[in-house]
Amino acid sequence: MHRWEYRILHMPTTSLSVLNERVNNDAREGWEPFMMSGNDFVNIIMRRPIEQGEVKEQN
């Protein structure tokens, strides 16, 4: 069973190319977008698996 770490992106929808670039860059780092909502701003919940015993620091 996977354990996950999560990230929420909150970005304006005024520039979809910037939004796409950010999501694609995060995806290359292992982040998987799995929920999105919004109008003028979009919230994207992203996750990636973590190994058991691996501890991530919150910024």
C-alpha atoms as a PDB file:
ATOM      1  CA  MET A   1       0.000   0.000   0.000  1.00  0.00           C
ATOM      2  CA  HIS A   2       1.328   3.431  -0.967  1.00  0.00           C
ATOM      3  CA  ARG A   3       1.801   6.279   1.456  1.00  0.00           C
ATOM      4  CA  TRP A   4       1.518   9.707  -0.117  1.00  0.00           C
ATOM      5  CA  GLU A   5       2.718  13.227   0.417  1.00  0.00           C
ATOM      6  CA  TYR A   6       0.483  16.000  -0.860  1.00  0.00           C
ATOM      7  CA  ARG A   7       0.864  19.462  -2.332  1.00  0.00           C
ATOM      8  CA  ILE A   8      -1.782  22.028  -3.216  1.00  0.00           C
ATOM      9  CA  LEU A   9      -1.114  24.474  -6.030  1.00  0.00           C
ATOM     10  CA  HIS A  10      -3.139  27.694  -6.036  1.00  0.00           C
ATOM     11  CA  MET A  11      -2.555  29.602  -9.265  1.00  0.00           C
ATOM     12  CA  PRO A  12      -4.378  32.158 -11.422  1.00  0.00           C
ATOM     13  CA  THR A  13      -5.899  30.914 -14.661  1.00  0.00           C
ATOM     14  CA  THR A  14      -4.834  34.036 -16.549  1.00  0.00           C
ATOM     15  CA  SER A  15      -1.918  32.188 -18.142  1.00  0.00           C
ATOM     16  CA  LEU A  16      -2.629  28.565 -18.938  1.00  0.00           C
ATOM     17  CA  SER A  17       0.830  28.101 -20.450  1.00  0.00           C
ATOM     18  CA  VAL A  18       2.437  28.992 -17.080  1.00  0.00           C
ATOM     19  CA  LEU A  19       0.012  26.675 -15.286  1.00  0.00           C
ATOM     20  CA  ASN A  20       0.774  23.829 -17.708  1.00  0.00           C
ATOM     21  CA  GLU A  21       4.515  24.374 -17.325  1.00  0.00           C
ATOM     22  CA  ARG A  22       4.267  24.235 -13.532  1.00  0.00           C
ATOM     23  CA  VAL A  23       2.169  21.054 -13.528  1.00  0.00           C
ATOM     24  CA  ASN A  24       4.481  19.379 -16.062  1.00  0.00           C
ATOM     25  CA  ASN A  25       7.589  20.327 -14.064  1.00  0.00           C
ATOM     26  CA  ASP A  26       6.054  18.917 -10.884  1.00  0.00           C
ATOM     27  CA  ALA A  27       5.025  15.750 -12.748  1.00  0.00           C
ATOM     28  CA  ARG A  28       8.660  15.220 -13.788  1.00  0.00           C
ATOM     29  CA  GLU A  29       9.513  15.292 -10.064  1.00  0.00           C
ATOM     30  CA  GLY A  30       7.004  12.514  -9.400  1.00  0.00           C
ATOM     31  CA  TRP A  31       3.952  14.612  -8.466  1.00  0.00           C
ATOM     32  CA  GLU A  32       0.607  13.378  -9.804  1.00  0.00           C
ATOM     33  CA  PRO A  33      -2.276  15.848 -10.166  1.00  0.00           C
ATOM     34  CA  PHE A  34      -5.471  14.124  -9.111  1.00  0.00           C
ATOM     35  CA  MET A  35      -8.021  16.823  -8.280  1.00  0.00           C
ATOM     36  CA  MET A  36      -8.604  20.302  -9.663  1.00  0.00           C
ATOM     37  CA  SER A  37     -11.219  23.012  -9.110  1.00  0.00           C
ATOM     38  CA  GLY A  38     -11.604  26.740  -9.560  1.00  0.00           C
ATOM     39  CA  ASN A  39     -12.544  29.618 -11.845  1.00  0.00           C
ATOM     40  CA  ASP A  40     -10.294  32.698 -11.714  1.00  0.00           C
ATOM     41  CA  PHE A  41      -7.819  30.732  -9.617  1.00  0.00           C
ATOM     42  CA  VAL A  42      -7.298  27.008  -9.848  1.00  0.00           C
ATOM     43  CA  ASN A  43      -6.505  24.685  -6.958  1.00  0.00           C
ATOM     44  CA  ILE A  44      -4.718  21.500  -7.937  1.00  0.00           C
ATOM     45  CA  ILE A  45      -4.131  18.788  -5.367  1.00  0.00           C
ATOM     46  CA  MET A  46      -1.038  16.796  -6.250  1.00  0.00           C
ATOM     47  CA  ARG A  47       0.451  13.738  -4.630  1.00  0.00           C
ATOM     48  CA  ARG A  48       3.468  11.483  -4.921  1.00  0.00           C
ATOM     49  CA  PRO A  49       4.312   8.217  -3.220  1.00  0.00           C
ATOM     50  CA  ILE A  50       6.800   8.158  -0.373  1.00  0.00           C
ATOM     51  CA  GLU A  51       8.812   5.222   0.803  1.00  0.00           C
ATOM     52  CA  GLN A  52       8.018   3.784   4.194  1.00  0.00           C
ATOM     53  CA  GLY A  53      10.266   5.357   6.787  1.00  0.00           C
ATOM     54  CA  GLU A  54      10.905   8.402   4.599  1.00  0.00           C
ATOM     55  CA  VAL A  55      10.045  11.632   6.388  1.00  0.00           C
ATOM     56  CA  LYS A  56       9.359  14.848   4.467  1.00  0.00           C
ATOM     57  CA  GLU A  57       9.714  18.270   6.044  1.00  0.00           C
ATOM     58  CA  GLN A  58       6.904  20.803   5.666  1.00  0.00           C
ATOM     59  CA  ASN A  59       7.894  24.247   4.359  1.00  0.00           C
END
